[in-house]
Amino acid sequence: MVVTTIAVILAIPAFFVLSRAIAAWRQGYDWAEMDWDDKGYTSLKDFLRAADVGRRPVNVNEQSCVEYYLYREGMTVKIVCPRD
């Protein structure tokens, strides 16, 4: 009985993390692309956050760039422009 209760308690957060990981993976971002804070590497937190981040084209100073934004608030996470 105790083992079953512990298993159920642990299964709930495990299911949540697994579902977030699947949603993040399905976004189709490259691992380096998910460095949302431009710290030089992608952490597990960055990967899981990818589930909430969308991508859309924008123009910045007459240049075609990509804007990453939060689905819920629409706030810009980062803008990436091609380097010449």
PDB file of N, CA and C in Angstrom:
ATOM      1  N   MET A   1       0.820  -1.195   0.000  1.00  0.00           N
ATOM      2  CA  MET A   1       0.000   0.000   0.000  1.00  0.00           C
ATOM      3  C   MET A   1       0.864   1.258   0.000  1.00  0.00           C
ATOM      4  N   VAL A   2       1.886   1.285   0.862  1.00  0.00           N
ATOM      5  CA  VAL A   2       2.775   2.440   0.961  1.00  0.00           C
ATOM      6  C   VAL A   2       3.567   2.617  -0.334  1.00  0.00           C
ATOM      7  N   VAL A   3       4.048   1.523  -0.891  1.00  0.00           N
ATOM      8  CA  VAL A   3       4.814   1.572  -2.135  1.00  0.00           C
ATOM      9  C   VAL A   3       3.944   2.101  -3.274  1.00  0.00           C
ATOM     10  N   THR A   4       2.719   1.686  -3.342  1.00  0.00           N
ATOM     11  CA  THR A   4       1.798   2.157  -4.366  1.00  0.00           C
ATOM     12  C   THR A   4       1.540   3.650  -4.230  1.00  0.00           C
ATOM     13  N   THR A   5       1.355   4.111  -3.018  1.00  0.00           N
ATOM     14  CA  THR A   5       1.123   5.539  -2.775  1.00  0.00           C
ATOM     15  C   THR A   5       2.334   6.367  -3.192  1.00  0.00           C
ATOM     16  N   ILE A   6       3.515   5.915  -2.835  1.00  0.00           N
ATOM     17  CA  ILE A   6       4.736   6.628  -3.226  1.00  0.00           C
ATOM     18  C   ILE A   6       4.888   6.625  -4.741  1.00  0.00           C
ATOM     19  N   ALA A   7       4.603   5.502  -5.374  1.00  0.00           N
ATOM     20  CA  ALA A   7       4.700   5.413  -6.829  1.00  0.00           C
ATOM     21  C   ALA A   7       3.745   6.385  -7.515  1.00  0.00           C
ATOM     22  N   VAL A   8       2.550   6.510  -7.005  1.00  0.00           N
ATOM     23  CA  VAL A   8       1.569   7.442  -7.576  1.00  0.00           C
ATOM     24  C   VAL A   8       2.027   8.883  -7.374  1.00  0.00           C
ATOM     25  N   ILE A   9       2.531   9.186  -6.191  1.00  0.00           N
ATOM     26  CA  ILE A   9       3.006  10.546  -5.900  1.00  0.00           C
ATOM     27  C   ILE A   9       4.171  10.917  -6.818  1.00  0.00           C
ATOM     28  N   LEU A  10       5.074   9.993  -7.083  1.00  0.00           N
ATOM     29  CA  LEU A  10       6.208  10.261  -7.966  1.00  0.00           C
ATOM     30  C   LEU A  10       5.814  10.259  -9.438  1.00  0.00           C
ATOM     31  N   ALA A  11       4.775   9.539  -9.788  1.00  0.00           N
ATOM     32  CA  ALA A  11       4.353   9.442 -11.194  1.00  0.00           C
ATOM     33  C   ALA A  11       3.763  10.755 -11.703  1.00  0.00           C
ATOM     34  N   ILE A  12       3.119  11.516 -10.844  1.00  0.00           N
ATOM     35  CA  ILE A  12       2.482  12.766 -11.277  1.00  0.00           C
ATOM     36  C   ILE A  12       3.511  13.770 -11.789  1.00  0.00           C
ATOM     37  N   PRO A  13       4.560  14.135 -11.018  1.00  0.00           N
ATOM     38  CA  PRO A  13       5.545  15.062 -11.568  1.00  0.00           C
ATOM     39  C   PRO A  13       6.336  14.470 -12.732  1.00  0.00           C
ATOM     40  N   ALA A  14       6.576  13.162 -12.707  1.00  0.00           N
ATOM     41  CA  ALA A  14       7.291  12.525 -13.817  1.00  0.00           C
ATOM     42  C   ALA A  14       6.485  12.635 -15.105  1.00  0.00           C
ATOM     43  N   PHE A  15       5.185  12.456 -15.026  1.00  0.00           N
ATOM     44  CA  PHE A  15       4.318  12.594 -16.193  1.00  0.00           C
ATOM     45  C   PHE A  15       4.339  14.031 -16.708  1.00  0.00           C
ATOM     46  N   PHE A  16       4.320  15.009 -15.792  1.00  0.00           N
ATOM     47  CA  PHE A  16       4.352  16.416 -16.180  1.00  0.00           C
ATOM     48  C   PHE A  16       5.651  16.745 -16.920  1.00  0.00           C
ATOM     49  N   VAL A  17       6.791  16.337 -16.366  1.00  0.00           N
ATOM     50  CA  VAL A  17       8.080  16.615 -16.997  1.00  0.00           C
ATOM     51  C   VAL A  17       8.179  15.906 -18.344  1.00  0.00           C
ATOM     52  N   LEU A  18       7.715  14.685 -18.424  1.00  0.00           N
ATOM     53  CA  LEU A  18       7.743  13.944 -19.683  1.00  0.00           C
ATOM     54  C   LEU A  18       6.874  14.614 -20.738  1.00  0.00           C
ATOM     55  N   SER A  19       5.695  15.073 -20.359  1.00  0.00           N
ATOM     56  CA  SER A  19       4.817  15.730 -21.330  1.00  0.00           C
ATOM     57  C   SER A  19       5.422  17.052 -21.806  1.00  0.00           C
ATOM     58  N   ARG A  20       6.081  17.797 -20.905  1.00  0.00           N
ATOM     59  CA  ARG A  20       6.764  19.044 -21.300  1.00  0.00           C
ATOM     60  C   ARG A  20       7.919  18.742 -22.253  1.00  0.00           C
ATOM     61  N   ALA A  21       8.662  17.676 -21.968  1.00  0.00           N
ATOM     62  CA  ALA A  21       9.788  17.301 -22.825  1.00  0.00           C
ATOM     63  C   ALA A  21       9.314  16.915 -24.220  1.00  0.00           C
ATOM     64  N   ILE A  22       8.234  16.187 -24.301  1.00  0.00           N
ATOM     65  CA  ILE A  22       7.690  15.801 -25.607  1.00  0.00           C
ATOM     66  C   ILE A  22       7.204  17.031 -26.362  1.00  0.00           C
ATOM     67  N   ALA A  23       6.525  17.945 -25.684  1.00  0.00           N
ATOM     68  CA  ALA A  23       6.048  19.172 -26.330  1.00  0.00           C
ATOM     69  C   ALA A  23       7.225  20.018 -26.815  1.00  0.00           C
ATOM     70  N   ALA A  24       8.278  20.115 -26.019  1.00  0.00           N
ATOM     71  CA  ALA A  24       9.466  20.884 -26.417  1.00  0.00           C
ATOM     72  C   ALA A  24      10.143  20.239 -27.616  1.00  0.00           C
ATOM     73  N   TRP A  25      10.278  18.927 -27.601  1.00  0.00           N
ATOM     74  CA  TRP A  25      10.917  18.200 -28.698  1.00  0.00           C
ATOM     75  C   TRP A  25      10.137  18.375 -29.999  1.00  0.00           C
ATOM     76  N   ARG A  26       8.817  18.396 -29.913  1.00  0.00           N
ATOM     77  CA  ARG A  26       7.962  18.510 -31.099  1.00  0.00           C
ATOM     78  C   ARG A  26       8.023  19.896 -31.739  1.00  0.00           C
ATOM     79  N   GLN A  27       8.564  20.899 -31.035  1.00  0.00           N
ATOM     80  CA  GLN A  27       8.705  22.240 -31.608  1.00  0.00           C
ATOM     81  C   GLN A  27       9.678  22.226 -32.778  1.00  0.00           C
ATOM     82  N   GLY A  28      10.632  21.311 -32.774  1.00  0.00           N
ATOM     83  CA  GLY A  28      11.566  21.181 -33.883  1.00  0.00           C
ATOM     84  C   GLY A  28      12.761  22.118 -33.843  1.00  0.00           C
ATOM     85  N   TYR A  29      13.067  22.689 -32.691  1.00  0.00           N
ATOM     86  CA  TYR A  29      14.216  23.576 -32.579  1.00  0.00           C
ATOM     87  C   TYR A  29      15.514  22.776 -32.492  1.00  0.00           C
ATOM     88  N   ASP A  30      16.594  23.352 -33.048  1.00  0.00           N
ATOM     89  CA  ASP A  30      17.918  22.781 -32.838  1.00  0.00           C
ATOM     90  C   ASP A  30      18.317  23.017 -31.390  1.00  0.00           C
ATOM     91  N   TRP A  31      19.230  22.183 -30.882  1.00  0.00           N
ATOM     92  CA  TRP A  31      19.647  22.305 -29.486  1.00  0.00           C
ATOM     93  C   TRP A  31      20.248  23.688 -29.223  1.00  0.00           C
ATOM     94  N   ALA A  32      21.104  24.183 -30.104  1.00  0.00           N
ATOM     95  CA  ALA A  32      21.743  25.498 -29.923  1.00  0.00           C
ATOM     96  C   ALA A  32      20.726  26.632 -30.025  1.00  0.00           C
ATOM     97  N   GLU A  33      19.693  26.428 -30.791  1.00  0.00           N
ATOM     98  CA  GLU A  33      18.649  27.438 -30.982  1.00  0.00           C
ATOM     99  C   GLU A  33      17.874  27.694 -29.687  1.00  0.00           C
ATOM    100  N   MET A  34      17.847  26.729 -28.797  1.00  0.00           N
ATOM    101  CA  MET A  34      17.067  26.831 -27.564  1.00  0.00           C
ATOM    102  C   MET A  34      17.811  27.537 -26.430  1.00  0.00           C
ATOM    103  N   ASP A  35      18.951  28.140 -26.708  1.00  0.00           N
ATOM    104  CA  ASP A  35      19.668  28.934 -25.714  1.00  0.00           C
ATOM    105  C   ASP A  35      18.972  30.284 -25.612  1.00  0.00           C
ATOM    106  N   TRP A  36      17.863  30.331 -24.902  1.00  0.00           N
ATOM    107  CA  TRP A  36      16.984  31.506 -24.873  1.00  0.00           C
ATOM    108  C   TRP A  36      17.642  32.711 -24.208  1.00  0.00           C
ATOM    109  N   ASP A  37      18.582  32.501 -23.313  1.00  0.00           N
ATOM    110  CA  ASP A  37      19.213  33.600 -22.589  1.00  0.00           C
ATOM    111  C   ASP A  37      20.569  33.990 -23.177  1.00  0.00           C
ATOM    112  N   ASP A  38      20.956  33.396 -24.295  1.00  0.00           N
ATOM    113  CA  ASP A  38      22.254  33.659 -24.944  1.00  0.00           C
ATOM    114  C   ASP A  38      23.422  33.542 -23.971  1.00  0.00           C
ATOM    115  N   LYS A  39      23.415  32.454 -23.197  1.00  0.00           N
ATOM    116  CA  LYS A  39      24.489  32.243 -22.231  1.00  0.00           C
ATOM    117  C   LYS A  39      25.574  31.333 -22.784  1.00  0.00           C
ATOM    118  N   GLY A  40      25.403  30.857 -24.009  1.00  0.00           N
ATOM    119  CA  GLY A  40      26.428  30.051 -24.654  1.00  0.00           C
ATOM    120  C   GLY A  40      26.175  28.558 -24.641  1.00  0.00           C
ATOM    121  N   TYR A  41      25.158  28.119 -23.946  1.00  0.00           N
ATOM    122  CA  TYR A  41      24.818  26.698 -23.912  1.00  0.00           C
ATOM    123  C   TYR A  41      23.322  26.550 -23.636  1.00  0.00           C
ATOM    124  N   THR A  42      22.786  25.398 -23.990  1.00  0.00           N
ATOM    125  CA  THR A  42      21.375  25.112 -23.755  1.00  0.00           C
ATOM    126  C   THR A  42      21.258  24.177 -22.563  1.00  0.00           C
ATOM    127  N   SER A  43      20.522  24.610 -21.559  1.00  0.00           N
ATOM    128  CA  SER A  43      20.321  23.796 -20.365  1.00  0.00           C
ATOM    129  C   SER A  43      19.036  22.975 -20.499  1.00  0.00           C
ATOM    130  N   LEU A  44      18.828  22.087 -19.570  1.00  0.00           N
ATOM    131  CA  LEU A  44      17.594  21.304 -19.546  1.00  0.00           C
ATOM    132  C   LEU A  44      16.397  22.229 -19.355  1.00  0.00           C
ATOM    133  N   LYS A  45      16.564  23.271 -18.555  1.00  0.00           N
ATOM    134  CA  LYS A  45      15.499  24.259 -18.346  1.00  0.00           C
ATOM    135  C   LYS A  45      15.152  24.962 -19.661  1.00  0.00           C
ATOM    136  N   ASP A  46      16.170  25.331 -20.449  1.00  0.00           N
ATOM    137  CA  ASP A  46      15.933  25.938 -21.758  1.00  0.00           C
ATOM    138  C   ASP A  46      15.153  24.985 -22.660  1.00  0.00           C
ATOM    139  N   PHE A  47      15.558  23.717 -22.639  1.00  0.00           N
ATOM    140  CA  PHE A  47      14.875  22.719 -23.461  1.00  0.00           C
ATOM    141  C   PHE A  47      13.404  22.608 -23.089  1.00  0.00           C
ATOM    142  N   LEU A  48      13.107  22.521 -21.806  1.00  0.00           N
ATOM    143  CA  LEU A  48      11.714  22.391 -21.369  1.00  0.00           C
ATOM    144  C   LEU A  48      10.916  23.664 -21.647  1.00  0.00           C
ATOM    145  N   ARG A  49      11.580  24.814 -21.608  1.00  0.00           N
ATOM    146  CA  ARG A  49      10.914  26.084 -21.891  1.00  0.00           C
ATOM    147  C   ARG A  49      10.508  26.196 -23.363  1.00  0.00           C
ATOM    148  N   ALA A  50      11.167  25.443 -24.238  1.00  0.00           N
ATOM    149  CA  ALA A  50      10.879  25.492 -25.669  1.00  0.00           C
ATOM    150  C   ALA A  50       9.425  25.147 -25.981  1.00  0.00           C
ATOM    151  N   ALA A  51       8.762  24.429 -25.096  1.00  0.00           N
ATOM    152  CA  ALA A  51       7.360  24.075 -25.309  1.00  0.00           C
ATOM    153  C   ALA A  51       6.471  25.314 -25.334  1.00  0.00           C
ATOM    154  N   ASP A  52       6.928  26.409 -24.714  1.00  0.00           N
ATOM    155  CA  ASP A  52       6.136  27.641 -24.623  1.00  0.00           C
ATOM    156  C   ASP A  52       6.602  28.726 -25.588  1.00  0.00           C
ATOM    157  N   VAL A  53       7.547  28.410 -26.467  1.00  0.00           N
ATOM    158  CA  VAL A  53       8.149  29.425 -27.330  1.00  0.00           C
ATOM    159  C   VAL A  53       7.803  29.160 -28.786  1.00  0.00           C
ATOM    160  N   GLY A  54       7.304  30.206 -29.437  1.00  0.00           N
ATOM    161  CA  GLY A  54       6.996  30.131 -30.864  1.00  0.00           C
ATOM    162  C   GLY A  54       8.032  30.889 -31.674  1.00  0.00           C
ATOM    163  N   ARG A  55       7.934  30.751 -32.998  1.00  0.00           N
ATOM    164  CA  ARG A  55       8.898  31.368 -33.903  1.00  0.00           C
ATOM    165  C   ARG A  55       8.130  32.038 -35.035  1.00  0.00           C
ATOM    166  N   ARG A  56       8.541  33.272 -35.395  1.00  0.00           N
ATOM    167  CA  ARG A  56       7.901  33.959 -36.517  1.00  0.00           C
ATOM    168  C   ARG A  56       8.922  34.889 -37.180  1.00  0.00           C
ATOM    169  N   PRO A  57       8.760  35.121 -38.486  1.00  0.00           N
ATOM    170  CA  PRO A  57       9.681  36.030 -39.189  1.00  0.00           C
ATOM    171  C   PRO A  57       9.358  37.490 -38.856  1.00  0.00           C
ATOM    172  N   VAL A  58      10.390  38.310 -38.747  1.00  0.00           N
ATOM    173  CA  VAL A  58      10.245  39.748 -38.515  1.00  0.00           C
ATOM    174  C   VAL A  58      11.301  40.485 -39.336  1.00  0.00           C
ATOM    175  N   ASN A  59      11.065  41.775 -39.579  1.00  0.00           N
ATOM    176  CA  ASN A  59      12.044  42.625 -40.239  1.00  0.00           C
ATOM    177  C   ASN A  59      12.646  43.567 -39.214  1.00  0.00           C
ATOM    178  N   VAL A  60      13.959  43.583 -39.148  1.00  0.00           N
ATOM    179  CA  VAL A  60      14.684  44.469 -38.254  1.00  0.00           C
ATOM    180  C   VAL A  60      15.694  45.237 -39.098  1.00  0.00           C
ATOM    181  N   ASN A  61      15.519  46.555 -39.192  1.00  0.00           N
ATOM    182  CA  ASN A  61      16.420  47.394 -39.987  1.00  0.00           C
ATOM    183  C   ASN A  61      16.572  46.867 -41.412  1.00  0.00           C
ATOM    184  N   GLU A  62      15.437  46.585 -42.048  1.00  0.00           N
ATOM    185  CA  GLU A  62      15.412  46.097 -43.439  1.00  0.00           C
ATOM    186  C   GLU A  62      16.081  44.735 -43.607  1.00  0.00           C
ATOM    187  N   GLN A  63      16.177  43.971 -42.546  1.00  0.00           N
ATOM    188  CA  GLN A  63      16.800  42.659 -42.584  1.00  0.00           C
ATOM    189  C   GLN A  63      15.802  41.614 -42.103  1.00  0.00           C
ATOM    190  N   SER A  64      15.733  40.479 -42.796  1.00  0.00           N
ATOM    191  CA  SER A  64      14.845  39.393 -42.398  1.00  0.00           C
ATOM    192  C   SER A  64      15.457  38.643 -41.217  1.00  0.00           C
ATOM    193  N   CYS A  65      14.716  38.597 -40.123  1.00  0.00           N
ATOM    194  CA  CYS A  65      15.186  37.942 -38.902  1.00  0.00           C
ATOM    195  C   CYS A  65      14.110  36.974 -38.400  1.00  0.00           C
ATOM    196  N   VAL A  66      14.444  36.262 -37.347  1.00  0.00           N
ATOM    197  CA  VAL A  66      13.501  35.344 -36.711  1.00  0.00           C
ATOM    198  C   VAL A  66      13.298  35.796 -35.274  1.00  0.00           C
ATOM    199  N   GLU A  67      12.031  35.954 -34.896  1.00  0.00           N
ATOM    200  CA  GLU A  67      11.696  36.325 -33.525  1.00  0.00           C
ATOM    201  C   GLU A  67      11.151  35.093 -32.801  1.00  0.00           C
ATOM    202  N   TYR A  68      11.666  34.848 -31.612  1.00  0.00           N
ATOM    203  CA  TYR A  68      11.161  33.797 -30.738  1.00  0.00           C
ATOM    204  C   TYR A  68      10.348  34.494 -29.663  1.00  0.00           C
ATOM    205  N   TYR A  69       9.127  34.029 -29.435  1.00  0.00           N
ATOM    206  CA  TYR A  69       8.216  34.713 -28.518  1.00  0.00           C
ATOM    207  C   TYR A  69       7.478  33.700 -27.650  1.00  0.00           C
ATOM    208  N   LEU A  70       7.012  34.167 -26.506  1.00  0.00           N
ATOM    209  CA  LEU A  70       6.227  33.321 -25.616  1.00  0.00           C
ATOM    210  C   LEU A  70       4.796  33.252 -26.129  1.00  0.00           C
ATOM    211  N   TYR A  71       4.263  32.054 -26.259  1.00  0.00           N
ATOM    212  CA  TYR A  71       2.892  31.889 -26.745  1.00  0.00           C
ATOM    213  C   TYR A  71       1.884  32.629 -25.870  1.00  0.00           C
ATOM    214  N   ARG A  72       2.008  32.484 -24.582  1.00  0.00           N
ATOM    215  CA  ARG A  72       1.002  32.998 -23.666  1.00  0.00           C
ATOM    216  C   ARG A  72       0.940  34.525 -23.649  1.00  0.00           C
ATOM    217  N   GLU A  73       2.094  35.191 -23.492  1.00  0.00           N
ATOM    218  CA  GLU A  73       2.104  36.648 -23.382  1.00  0.00           C
ATOM    219  C   GLU A  73       2.428  37.347 -24.698  1.00  0.00           C
ATOM    220  N   GLY A  74       3.036  36.645 -25.637  1.00  0.00           N
ATOM    221  CA  GLY A  74       3.465  37.259 -26.881  1.00  0.00           C
ATOM    222  C   GLY A  74       4.754  38.048 -26.738  1.00  0.00           C
ATOM    223  N   MET A  75       5.382  37.990 -25.564  1.00  0.00           N
ATOM    224  CA  MET A  75       6.628  38.729 -25.326  1.00  0.00           C
ATOM    225  C   MET A  75       7.783  38.093 -26.093  1.00  0.00           C
ATOM    226  N   THR A  76       8.671  38.937 -26.591  1.00  0.00           N
ATOM    227  CA  THR A  76       9.830  38.472 -27.321  1.00  0.00           C
ATOM    228  C   THR A  76      10.833  37.834 -26.365  1.00  0.00           C
ATOM    229  N   VAL A  77      11.284  36.641 -26.723  1.00  0.00           N
ATOM    230  CA  VAL A  77      12.332  35.950 -25.961  1.00  0.00           C
ATOM    231  C   VAL A  77      13.680  36.378 -26.510  1.00  0.00           C
ATOM    232  N   LYS A  78      13.814  36.301 -27.846  1.00  0.00           N
ATOM    233  CA  LYS A  78      15.029  36.762 -28.511  1.00  0.00           C
ATOM    234  C   LYS A  78      14.760  36.929 -29.994  1.00  0.00           C
ATOM    235  N   ILE A  79      15.598  37.712 -30.646  1.00  0.00           N
ATOM    236  CA  ILE A  79      15.538  37.922 -32.091  1.00  0.00           C
ATOM    237  C   ILE A  79      16.891  37.535 -32.651  1.00  0.00           C
ATOM    238  N   VAL A  80      16.867  36.720 -33.707  1.00  0.00           N
ATOM    239  CA  VAL A  80      18.105  36.270 -34.335  1.00  0.00           C
ATOM    240  C   VAL A  80      18.090  36.742 -35.784  1.00  0.00           C
ATOM    241  N   CYS A  81      19.144  37.476 -36.153  1.00  0.00           N
ATOM    242  CA  CYS A  81      19.292  37.956 -37.515  1.00  0.00           C
ATOM    243  C   CYS A  81      20.530  37.297 -38.123  1.00  0.00           C
ATOM    244  N   PRO A  82      20.481  37.028 -39.428  1.00  0.00           N
ATOM    245  CA  PRO A  82      21.666  36.426 -40.063  1.00  0.00           C
ATOM    246  C   PRO A  82      22.842  37.400 -40.006  1.00  0.00           C
ATOM    247  N   ARG A  83      24.026  36.839 -39.825  1.00  0.00           N
ATOM    248  CA  ARG A  83      25.231  37.663 -39.765  1.00  0.00           C
ATOM    249  C   ARG A  83      25.869  37.695 -41.137  1.00  0.00           C
ATOM    250  N   ASP A  84      26.269  38.875 -41.535  1.00  0.00           N
ATOM    251  CA  ASP A  84      26.917  39.014 -42.857  1.00  0.00           C
ATOM    252  C   ASP A  84      28.401  38.801 -42.767  1.00  0.00           C
TER     253      ASP A  84
END
